[in-house]
Amino acid sequence: MSFRQLITREFKQWGLAALIVLLTLSATMQWTPAREQKPVDSQEEKAAATKLYQHVREARATWRDFPGFTADVAVCYNGQSTTGKLVADKKFNVKLTLKDQALSEWSLPKLRSVIGHRKYRQQKPIPATFADQEVNHPLGRLVNIDGKNVSFRLQGDVMTEVHRRSDKSWFTISTLDVWRTKENEVLPQVTSVTYRDPQSGAILSNRSNTFGFKRVGKFDLPASMLTVECGEKFDRNVGSIKLSNHRLLTDSSLSQTETN
């Protein structure tokens, strides 16, 4: 007997009161608390999440057999300007010499970061899982990394967001546009970084970045960086770094830069 037939029979025999009781019991038997529901992430979905994460990692532009490079540098930060020289060796050590060394406090960490992230590392697969079933998010699927307090949004071959949260810090990096190399590898071109209070979730600051690149040999080297940072108390800092006259290092040119 179907559920509809059962309701019709009981209503005819016992009236409205019995029908209410029957519907209540039916709802009670069919409802399962959320905490008792089984995870929706199947083994197939876990494999798909791991494959997607691996694909994105392998699409990132890295510098294999990097010889190092030198470049002229122009730095402007909150209205103060200076020029100088940058040397990045094949081990990704970065040396910045500016006429006004006070501006290196802001510019050197940025240069180390954008250069250091290009270091090649073998990308072994890392287990991942889809964090939800939302497949139409504008920035792609949300993926958790097993055993880590970090998650990513992945779209195609682009890591569109990084979410990292701990007891001491909470930040999100959103990649809004990318630069494609000749090999169709990915470099972040426009990013937004949001810092939050790890306890309350209140926004502490936001930093917007735009990056430019120049092809030298087989490497897409940094050519420009523009940063606008806003704090919670109306703080605002604007800075730019421009690199020119890029030259890849050789053993002889490296020895010359070390003696200068």
C-alpha atoms as a PDB file:
ATOM      1  CA  MET A   1       0.000   0.000   0.000  1.00  0.00           C
ATOM      2  CA  SER A   2       1.373   3.417  -0.943  1.00  0.00           C
ATOM      3  CA  PHE A   3       1.809   6.248   1.544  1.00  0.00           C
ATOM      4  CA  ARG A   4      -0.998   8.226  -0.147  1.00  0.00           C
ATOM      5  CA  GLN A   5      -3.403   5.246   0.043  1.00  0.00           C
ATOM      6  CA  LEU A   6      -2.535   4.791   3.718  1.00  0.00           C
ATOM      7  CA  ILE A   7      -3.355   8.421   4.472  1.00  0.00           C
ATOM      8  CA  THR A   8      -6.692   8.196   2.593  1.00  0.00           C
ATOM      9  CA  ARG A   9      -7.731   5.041   4.454  1.00  0.00           C
ATOM     10  CA  GLU A  10      -6.818   6.419   7.881  1.00  0.00           C
ATOM     11  CA  PHE A  11      -8.570   9.700   7.193  1.00  0.00           C
ATOM     12  CA  LYS A  12     -11.812   7.932   6.241  1.00  0.00           C
ATOM     13  CA  GLN A  13     -11.657   5.651   9.290  1.00  0.00           C
ATOM     14  CA  TRP A  14     -10.414   7.938  12.063  1.00  0.00           C
ATOM     15  CA  GLY A  15     -10.820  11.466  10.826  1.00  0.00           C
ATOM     16  CA  LEU A  16      -8.494  14.461  10.944  1.00  0.00           C
ATOM     17  CA  ALA A  17      -6.987  13.723  14.391  1.00  0.00           C
ATOM     18  CA  ALA A  18      -5.567  10.389  13.267  1.00  0.00           C
ATOM     19  CA  LEU A  19      -4.207  11.979  10.103  1.00  0.00           C
ATOM     20  CA  ILE A  20      -2.231  14.545  12.108  1.00  0.00           C
ATOM     21  CA  VAL A  21      -0.742  11.794  14.295  1.00  0.00           C
ATOM     22  CA  LEU A  22       0.193   9.719  11.245  1.00  0.00           C
ATOM     23  CA  LEU A  23       1.920  12.611   9.492  1.00  0.00           C
ATOM     24  CA  THR A  24       3.837  13.465  12.663  1.00  0.00           C
ATOM     25  CA  LEU A  25       5.098   9.901  13.041  1.00  0.00           C
ATOM     26  CA  SER A  26       6.043   9.758   9.369  1.00  0.00           C
ATOM     27  CA  ALA A  27       8.092  12.944   9.580  1.00  0.00           C
ATOM     28  CA  THR A  28       9.798  11.704  12.740  1.00  0.00           C
ATOM     29  CA  MET A  29      10.781   8.401  11.151  1.00  0.00           C
ATOM     30  CA  GLN A  30      12.127   9.990   7.958  1.00  0.00           C
ATOM     31  CA  TRP A  31      14.149  12.878   9.486  1.00  0.00           C
ATOM     32  CA  THR A  32      17.796  12.286  10.378  1.00  0.00           C
ATOM     33  CA  PRO A  33      19.874  14.822  12.324  1.00  0.00           C
ATOM     34  CA  ALA A  34      22.601  16.455  10.189  1.00  0.00           C
ATOM     35  CA  ARG A  35      25.355  15.265  12.514  1.00  0.00           C
ATOM     36  CA  GLU A  36      24.326  11.667  11.822  1.00  0.00           C
ATOM     37  CA  GLN A  37      24.245  11.990   8.042  1.00  0.00           C
ATOM     38  CA  LYS A  38      27.012  10.285   6.121  1.00  0.00           C
ATOM     39  CA  PRO A  39      29.555  12.512   4.327  1.00  0.00           C
ATOM     40  CA  VAL A  40      28.613  13.176   0.717  1.00  0.00           C
ATOM     41  CA  ASP A  41      32.252  12.990  -0.414  1.00  0.00           C
ATOM     42  CA  SER A  42      32.611   9.633  -2.142  1.00  0.00           C
ATOM     43  CA  GLN A  43      35.892   7.983  -3.027  1.00  0.00           C
ATOM     44  CA  GLU A  44      35.332   9.065  -6.635  1.00  0.00           C
ATOM     45  CA  GLU A  45      34.894  12.688  -5.548  1.00  0.00           C
ATOM     46  CA  LYS A  46      38.020  12.531  -3.384  1.00  0.00           C
ATOM     47  CA  ALA A  47      39.970  11.249  -6.360  1.00  0.00           C
ATOM     48  CA  ALA A  48      38.530  14.047  -8.509  1.00  0.00           C
ATOM     49  CA  ALA A  49      39.450  16.698  -5.909  1.00  0.00           C
ATOM     50  CA  THR A  50      42.993  15.339  -5.610  1.00  0.00           C
ATOM     51  CA  LYS A  51      43.368  15.290  -9.403  1.00  0.00           C
ATOM     52  CA  LEU A  52      42.066  18.861  -9.748  1.00  0.00           C
ATOM     53  CA  TYR A  53      44.414  20.150  -7.043  1.00  0.00           C
ATOM     54  CA  GLN A  54      47.371  18.396  -8.666  1.00  0.00           C
ATOM     55  CA  HIS A  55      46.459  19.848 -12.075  1.00  0.00           C
ATOM     56  CA  VAL A  56      46.399  23.387 -10.672  1.00  0.00           C
ATOM     57  CA  ARG A  57      49.720  22.956  -8.870  1.00  0.00           C
ATOM     58  CA  GLU A  58      51.413  21.681 -12.011  1.00  0.00           C
ATOM     59  CA  ALA A  59      50.050  24.637 -14.034  1.00  0.00           C
ATOM     60  CA  ARG A  60      51.877  27.211 -11.892  1.00  0.00           C
ATOM     61  CA  ALA A  61      54.804  28.849 -13.688  1.00  0.00           C
ATOM     62  CA  THR A  62      58.139  27.910 -12.122  1.00  0.00           C
ATOM     63  CA  TRP A  63      61.737  28.603 -13.120  1.00  0.00           C
ATOM     64  CA  ARG A  64      63.587  25.375 -13.857  1.00  0.00           C
ATOM     65  CA  ASP A  65      67.364  25.614 -14.290  1.00  0.00           C
ATOM     66  CA  PHE A  66      67.158  29.225 -13.143  1.00  0.00           C
ATOM     67  CA  PRO A  67      70.528  31.006 -13.594  1.00  0.00           C
ATOM     68  CA  GLY A  68      69.560  34.118 -11.650  1.00  0.00           C
ATOM     69  CA  PHE A  69      69.147  37.639 -12.993  1.00  0.00           C
ATOM     70  CA  THR A  70      69.952  41.282 -12.351  1.00  0.00           C
ATOM     71  CA  ALA A  71      67.745  44.313 -12.929  1.00  0.00           C
ATOM     72  CA  ASP A  72      67.589  48.024 -12.294  1.00  0.00           C
ATOM     73  CA  VAL A  73      64.938  48.890  -9.712  1.00  0.00           C
ATOM     74  CA  ALA A  74      62.784  51.955  -9.091  1.00  0.00           C
ATOM     75  CA  VAL A  75      60.797  52.034  -5.840  1.00  0.00           C
ATOM     76  CA  CYS A  76      58.064  54.492  -4.870  1.00  0.00           C
ATOM     77  CA  TYR A  77      56.285  54.199  -1.518  1.00  0.00           C
ATOM     78  CA  ASN A  78      53.855  56.759  -0.099  1.00  0.00           C
ATOM     79  CA  GLY A  79      55.429  59.526  -2.151  1.00  0.00           C
ATOM     80  CA  GLN A  80      59.066  58.635  -1.432  1.00  0.00           C
ATOM     81  CA  SER A  81      61.149  57.392  -4.373  1.00  0.00           C
ATOM     82  CA  THR A  82      64.525  55.785  -4.898  1.00  0.00           C
ATOM     83  CA  THR A  83      66.425  53.639  -7.394  1.00  0.00           C
ATOM     84  CA  GLY A  84      68.903  50.807  -7.147  1.00  0.00           C
ATOM     85  CA  LYS A  85      69.928  47.345  -8.247  1.00  0.00           C
ATOM     86  CA  LEU A  86      68.523  43.861  -7.710  1.00  0.00           C
ATOM     87  CA  VAL A  87      70.477  40.603  -7.895  1.00  0.00           C
ATOM     88  CA  ALA A  88      68.722  37.228  -7.629  1.00  0.00           C
ATOM     89  CA  ASP A  89      71.080  34.254  -7.808  1.00  0.00           C
ATOM     90  CA  LYS A  90      70.340  30.717  -8.986  1.00  0.00           C
ATOM     91  CA  LYS A  91      69.532  29.657  -5.415  1.00  0.00           C
ATOM     92  CA  PHE A  92      66.831  32.355  -5.290  1.00  0.00           C
ATOM     93  CA  ASN A  93      68.720  34.516  -2.829  1.00  0.00           C
ATOM     94  CA  VAL A  94      67.740  38.143  -3.414  1.00  0.00           C
ATOM     95  CA  LYS A  95      69.967  41.156  -2.808  1.00  0.00           C
ATOM     96  CA  LEU A  96      68.537  44.667  -3.134  1.00  0.00           C
ATOM     97  CA  THR A  97      70.746  47.754  -3.041  1.00  0.00           C
ATOM     98  CA  LEU A  98      68.908  51.090  -2.974  1.00  0.00           C
ATOM     99  CA  LYS A  99      70.135  54.661  -2.728  1.00  0.00           C
ATOM    100  CA  ASP A 100      67.576  55.126   0.047  1.00  0.00           C
ATOM    101  CA  GLN A 101      67.877  51.878   1.999  1.00  0.00           C
ATOM    102  CA  ALA A 102      64.930  52.852   4.207  1.00  0.00           C
ATOM    103  CA  LEU A 103      62.586  51.845   1.369  1.00  0.00           C
ATOM    104  CA  SER A 104      64.036  48.329   1.253  1.00  0.00           C
ATOM    105  CA  GLU A 105      62.049  47.475   4.387  1.00  0.00           C
ATOM    106  CA  TRP A 106      58.877  47.537   2.268  1.00  0.00           C
ATOM    107  CA  SER A 107      60.201  46.498  -1.156  1.00  0.00           C
ATOM    108  CA  LEU A 108      62.648  43.683  -0.339  1.00  0.00           C
ATOM    109  CA  PRO A 109      60.061  41.281   1.209  1.00  0.00           C
ATOM    110  CA  LYS A 110      57.797  41.765  -1.814  1.00  0.00           C
ATOM    111  CA  LEU A 111      60.616  40.997  -4.247  1.00  0.00           C
ATOM    112  CA  ARG A 112      61.695  37.962  -2.244  1.00  0.00           C
ATOM    113  CA  SER A 113      58.126  36.683  -2.253  1.00  0.00           C
ATOM    114  CA  VAL A 114      57.406  37.094  -5.966  1.00  0.00           C
ATOM    115  CA  ILE A 115      60.792  35.578  -6.913  1.00  0.00           C
ATOM    116  CA  GLY A 116      60.801  32.839  -4.269  1.00  0.00           C
ATOM    117  CA  HIS A 117      57.380  31.542  -5.356  1.00  0.00           C
ATOM    118  CA  ARG A 118      58.843  30.689  -8.762  1.00  0.00           C
ATOM    119  CA  LYS A 119      61.249  28.101  -7.355  1.00  0.00           C
ATOM    120  CA  TYR A 120      60.651  24.709  -8.930  1.00  0.00           C
ATOM    121  CA  ARG A 121      59.625  21.857  -6.645  1.00  0.00           C
ATOM    122  CA  GLN A 122      58.469  18.416  -7.666  1.00  0.00           C
ATOM    123  CA  GLN A 123      54.717  18.323  -7.157  1.00  0.00           C
ATOM    124  CA  LYS A 124      53.775  14.960  -5.684  1.00  0.00           C
ATOM    125  CA  PRO A 125      50.005  14.359  -5.378  1.00  0.00           C
ATOM    126  CA  ILE A 126      48.482  15.506  -2.088  1.00  0.00           C
ATOM    127  CA  PRO A 127      45.126  14.050  -0.918  1.00  0.00           C
ATOM    128  CA  ALA A 128      42.282  16.563  -1.167  1.00  0.00           C
ATOM    129  CA  THR A 129      38.507  16.590  -0.737  1.00  0.00           C
ATOM    130  CA  PHE A 130      35.731  18.843  -1.979  1.00  0.00           C
ATOM    131  CA  ALA A 131      34.542  21.023   0.906  1.00  0.00           C
ATOM    132  CA  ASP A 132      30.977  21.301  -0.395  1.00  0.00           C
ATOM    133  CA  GLN A 133      28.738  20.492  -3.356  1.00  0.00           C
ATOM    134  CA  GLU A 134      28.661  24.041  -4.739  1.00  0.00           C
ATOM    135  CA  VAL A 135      29.806  23.537  -8.331  1.00  0.00           C
ATOM    136  CA  ASN A 136      28.823  26.946  -9.781  1.00  0.00           C
ATOM    137  CA  HIS A 137      30.773  29.314  -7.520  1.00  0.00           C
ATOM    138  CA  PRO A 138      32.313  32.229  -9.518  1.00  0.00           C
ATOM    139  CA  LEU A 139      35.784  31.266  -8.250  1.00  0.00           C
ATOM    140  CA  GLY A 140      35.441  27.507  -8.657  1.00  0.00           C
ATOM    141  CA  ARG A 141      35.312  24.480  -6.349  1.00  0.00           C
ATOM    142  CA  LEU A 142      36.326  24.724  -2.708  1.00  0.00           C
ATOM    143  CA  VAL A 143      38.865  22.033  -1.818  1.00  0.00           C
ATOM    144  CA  ASN A 144      40.254  21.025   1.577  1.00  0.00           C
ATOM    145  CA  ILE A 145      43.712  19.553   2.006  1.00  0.00           C
ATOM    146  CA  ASP A 146      43.714  16.538   4.315  1.00  0.00           C
ATOM    147  CA  GLY A 147      45.253  17.278   7.707  1.00  0.00           C
ATOM    148  CA  LYS A 148      45.907  20.964   6.979  1.00  0.00           C
ATOM    149  CA  ASN A 149      44.219  24.178   8.138  1.00  0.00           C
ATOM    150  CA  VAL A 150      44.120  25.468   4.569  1.00  0.00           C
ATOM    151  CA  SER A 151      41.625  25.275   1.726  1.00  0.00           C
ATOM    152  CA  PHE A 152      41.652  26.448  -1.876  1.00  0.00           C
ATOM    153  CA  ARG A 153      39.241  27.449  -4.593  1.00  0.00           C
ATOM    154  CA  LEU A 154      40.216  25.932  -7.916  1.00  0.00           C
ATOM    155  CA  GLN A 155      38.890  26.824 -11.348  1.00  0.00           C
ATOM    156  CA  GLY A 156      40.299  25.112 -14.417  1.00  0.00           C
ATOM    157  CA  ASP A 157      44.061  25.274 -13.916  1.00  0.00           C
ATOM    158  CA  VAL A 158      43.999  28.354 -11.666  1.00  0.00           C
ATOM    159  CA  MET A 159      44.166  28.539  -7.877  1.00  0.00           C
ATOM    160  CA  THR A 160      41.682  31.382  -7.459  1.00  0.00           C
ATOM    161  CA  GLU A 161      41.713  31.518  -3.656  1.00  0.00           C
ATOM    162  CA  VAL A 162      43.797  30.443  -0.678  1.00  0.00           C
ATOM    163  CA  HIS A 163      42.080  30.312   2.728  1.00  0.00           C
ATOM    164  CA  ARG A 164      44.387  29.851   5.691  1.00  0.00           C
ATOM    165  CA  ARG A 165      43.201  30.078   9.292  1.00  0.00           C
ATOM    166  CA  SER A 166      44.769  29.234  12.639  1.00  0.00           C
ATOM    167  CA  ASP A 167      44.456  30.402  16.234  1.00  0.00           C
ATOM    168  CA  LYS A 168      46.885  33.243  15.499  1.00  0.00           C
ATOM    169  CA  SER A 169      46.078  34.332  11.948  1.00  0.00           C
ATOM    170  CA  TRP A 170      43.391  34.280   9.276  1.00  0.00           C
ATOM    171  CA  PHE A 171      43.805  35.461   5.716  1.00  0.00           C
ATOM    172  CA  THR A 172      42.424  34.898   2.233  1.00  0.00           C
ATOM    173  CA  ILE A 173      44.322  35.416  -1.023  1.00  0.00           C
ATOM    174  CA  SER A 174      42.070  35.889  -4.055  1.00  0.00           C
ATOM    175  CA  THR A 175      43.533  35.760  -7.566  1.00  0.00           C
ATOM    176  CA  LEU A 176      41.328  37.874  -9.820  1.00  0.00           C
ATOM    177  CA  ASP A 177      43.377  37.688 -13.024  1.00  0.00           C
ATOM    178  CA  VAL A 178      46.369  35.713 -14.280  1.00  0.00           C
ATOM    179  CA  TRP A 179      49.285  36.097 -16.693  1.00  0.00           C
ATOM    180  CA  ARG A 180      49.828  33.255 -19.172  1.00  0.00           C
ATOM    181  CA  THR A 181      53.381  32.370 -20.142  1.00  0.00           C
ATOM    182  CA  LYS A 182      54.441  31.169 -23.583  1.00  0.00           C
ATOM    183  CA  GLU A 183      54.019  27.623 -22.208  1.00  0.00           C
ATOM    184  CA  ASN A 184      50.474  28.530 -21.023  1.00  0.00           C
ATOM    185  CA  GLU A 185      51.549  28.295 -17.396  1.00  0.00           C
ATOM    186  CA  VAL A 186      49.946  30.514 -14.772  1.00  0.00           C
ATOM    187  CA  LEU A 187      51.281  33.541 -12.901  1.00  0.00           C
ATOM    188  CA  PRO A 188      49.096  35.665 -10.582  1.00  0.00           C
ATOM    189  CA  GLN A 189      48.562  39.106 -12.113  1.00  0.00           C
ATOM    190  CA  VAL A 190      45.861  40.719  -9.953  1.00  0.00           C
ATOM    191  CA  THR A 191      45.403  39.593  -6.342  1.00  0.00           C
ATOM    192  CA  SER A 192      43.549  40.703  -3.228  1.00  0.00           C
ATOM    193  CA  VAL A 193      44.683  39.677   0.261  1.00  0.00           C
ATOM    194  CA  THR A 194      42.268  40.044   3.188  1.00  0.00           C
ATOM    195  CA  TYR A 195      43.429  39.697   6.796  1.00  0.00           C
ATOM    196  CA  ARG A 196      40.904  38.966   9.559  1.00  0.00           C
ATOM    197  CA  ASP A 197      40.892  38.736  13.308  1.00  0.00           C
ATOM    198  CA  PRO A 198      41.207  34.974  13.950  1.00  0.00           C
ATOM    199  CA  GLN A 199      38.699  35.106  16.788  1.00  0.00           C
ATOM    200  CA  SER A 200      35.969  37.501  15.605  1.00  0.00           C
ATOM    201  CA  GLY A 201      36.440  37.341  11.841  1.00  0.00           C
ATOM    202  CA  ALA A 202      36.504  41.143  11.611  1.00  0.00           C
ATOM    203  CA  ILE A 203      38.504  42.478   8.660  1.00  0.00           C
ATOM    204  CA  LEU A 204      41.809  43.995   9.802  1.00  0.00           C
ATOM    205  CA  SER A 205      43.275  45.009   6.445  1.00  0.00           C
ATOM    206  CA  ASN A 206      43.142  44.431   2.714  1.00  0.00           C
ATOM    207  CA  ARG A 207      45.973  44.539   0.198  1.00  0.00           C
ATOM    208  CA  SER A 208      45.423  44.745  -3.562  1.00  0.00           C
ATOM    209  CA  ASN A 209      48.299  43.827  -5.887  1.00  0.00           C
ATOM    210  CA  THR A 210      48.921  44.086  -9.614  1.00  0.00           C
ATOM    211  CA  PHE A 211      51.945  42.341 -11.140  1.00  0.00           C
ATOM    212  CA  GLY A 212      53.587  42.689 -14.547  1.00  0.00           C
ATOM    213  CA  PHE A 213      56.121  40.352 -16.165  1.00  0.00           C
ATOM    214  CA  LYS A 214      58.739  40.423 -18.922  1.00  0.00           C
ATOM    215  CA  ARG A 215      59.914  37.454 -20.966  1.00  0.00           C
ATOM    216  CA  VAL A 216      63.691  37.068 -20.813  1.00  0.00           C
ATOM    217  CA  GLY A 217      65.036  33.876 -22.357  1.00  0.00           C
ATOM    218  CA  LYS A 218      62.673  31.135 -21.165  1.00  0.00           C
ATOM    219  CA  PHE A 219      61.690  32.968 -17.974  1.00  0.00           C
ATOM    220  CA  ASP A 220      58.846  35.400 -17.259  1.00  0.00           C
ATOM    221  CA  LEU A 221      60.606  37.728 -14.819  1.00  0.00           C
ATOM    222  CA  PRO A 222      58.892  40.323 -12.603  1.00  0.00           C
ATOM    223  CA  ALA A 223      58.700  43.740 -14.264  1.00  0.00           C
ATOM    224  CA  SER A 224      56.324  45.714 -12.055  1.00  0.00           C
ATOM    225  CA  MET A 225      54.340  45.558  -8.827  1.00  0.00           C
ATOM    226  CA  LEU A 226      51.668  47.964  -7.601  1.00  0.00           C
ATOM    227  CA  THR A 227      50.214  47.617  -4.114  1.00  0.00           C
ATOM    228  CA  VAL A 228      47.396  49.451  -2.325  1.00  0.00           C
ATOM    229  CA  GLU A 229      46.870  48.515   1.326  1.00  0.00           C
ATOM    230  CA  CYS A 230      44.059  49.722   3.586  1.00  0.00           C
ATOM    231  CA  GLY A 231      43.834  49.144   7.343  1.00  0.00           C
ATOM    232  CA  GLU A 232      40.946  49.106   9.801  1.00  0.00           C
ATOM    233  CA  LYS A 233      41.762  52.597  11.156  1.00  0.00           C
ATOM    234  CA  PHE A 234      41.767  54.405   7.791  1.00  0.00           C
ATOM    235  CA  ASP A 235      45.443  53.546   7.244  1.00  0.00           C
ATOM    236  CA  ARG A 236      46.382  53.578   3.566  1.00  0.00           C
ATOM    237  CA  ASN A 237      49.725  52.756   1.944  1.00  0.00           C
ATOM    238  CA  VAL A 238      50.512  52.782  -1.770  1.00  0.00           C
ATOM    239  CA  GLY A 239      53.731  51.482  -3.283  1.00  0.00           C
ATOM    240  CA  SER A 240      55.181  50.434  -6.620  1.00  0.00           C
ATOM    241  CA  ILE A 241      58.286  48.610  -7.820  1.00  0.00           C
ATOM    242  CA  LYS A 242      59.485  48.750 -11.422  1.00  0.00           C
ATOM    243  CA  LEU A 243      62.275  46.577 -12.806  1.00  0.00           C
ATOM    244  CA  SER A 244      64.140  47.215 -16.060  1.00  0.00           C
ATOM    245  CA  ASN A 245      67.281  46.137 -17.919  1.00  0.00           C
ATOM    246  CA  HIS A 246      66.814  42.495 -16.931  1.00  0.00           C
ATOM    247  CA  ARG A 247      69.868  40.327 -17.552  1.00  0.00           C
ATOM    248  CA  LEU A 248      70.165  36.612 -16.910  1.00  0.00           C
ATOM    249  CA  LEU A 249      73.261  35.731 -14.924  1.00  0.00           C
ATOM    250  CA  THR A 250      76.241  33.734 -16.103  1.00  0.00           C
ATOM    251  CA  ASP A 251      79.116  32.590 -13.906  1.00  0.00           C
ATOM    252  CA  SER A 252      81.215  35.549 -15.050  1.00  0.00           C
ATOM    253  CA  SER A 253      78.453  38.129 -14.626  1.00  0.00           C
ATOM    254  CA  LEU A 254      77.648  36.752 -11.161  1.00  0.00           C
ATOM    255  CA  SER A 255      81.266  37.188 -10.068  1.00  0.00           C
ATOM    256  CA  GLN A 256      81.149  40.788 -11.305  1.00  0.00           C
ATOM    257  CA  THR A 257      78.003  41.572  -9.328  1.00  0.00           C
ATOM    258  CA  GLU A 258      79.529  40.065  -6.187  1.00  0.00           C
ATOM    259  CA  THR A 259      82.613  42.317  -6.462  1.00  0.00           C
ATOM    260  CA  ASN A 260      80.591  45.507  -7.059  1.00  0.00           C
END
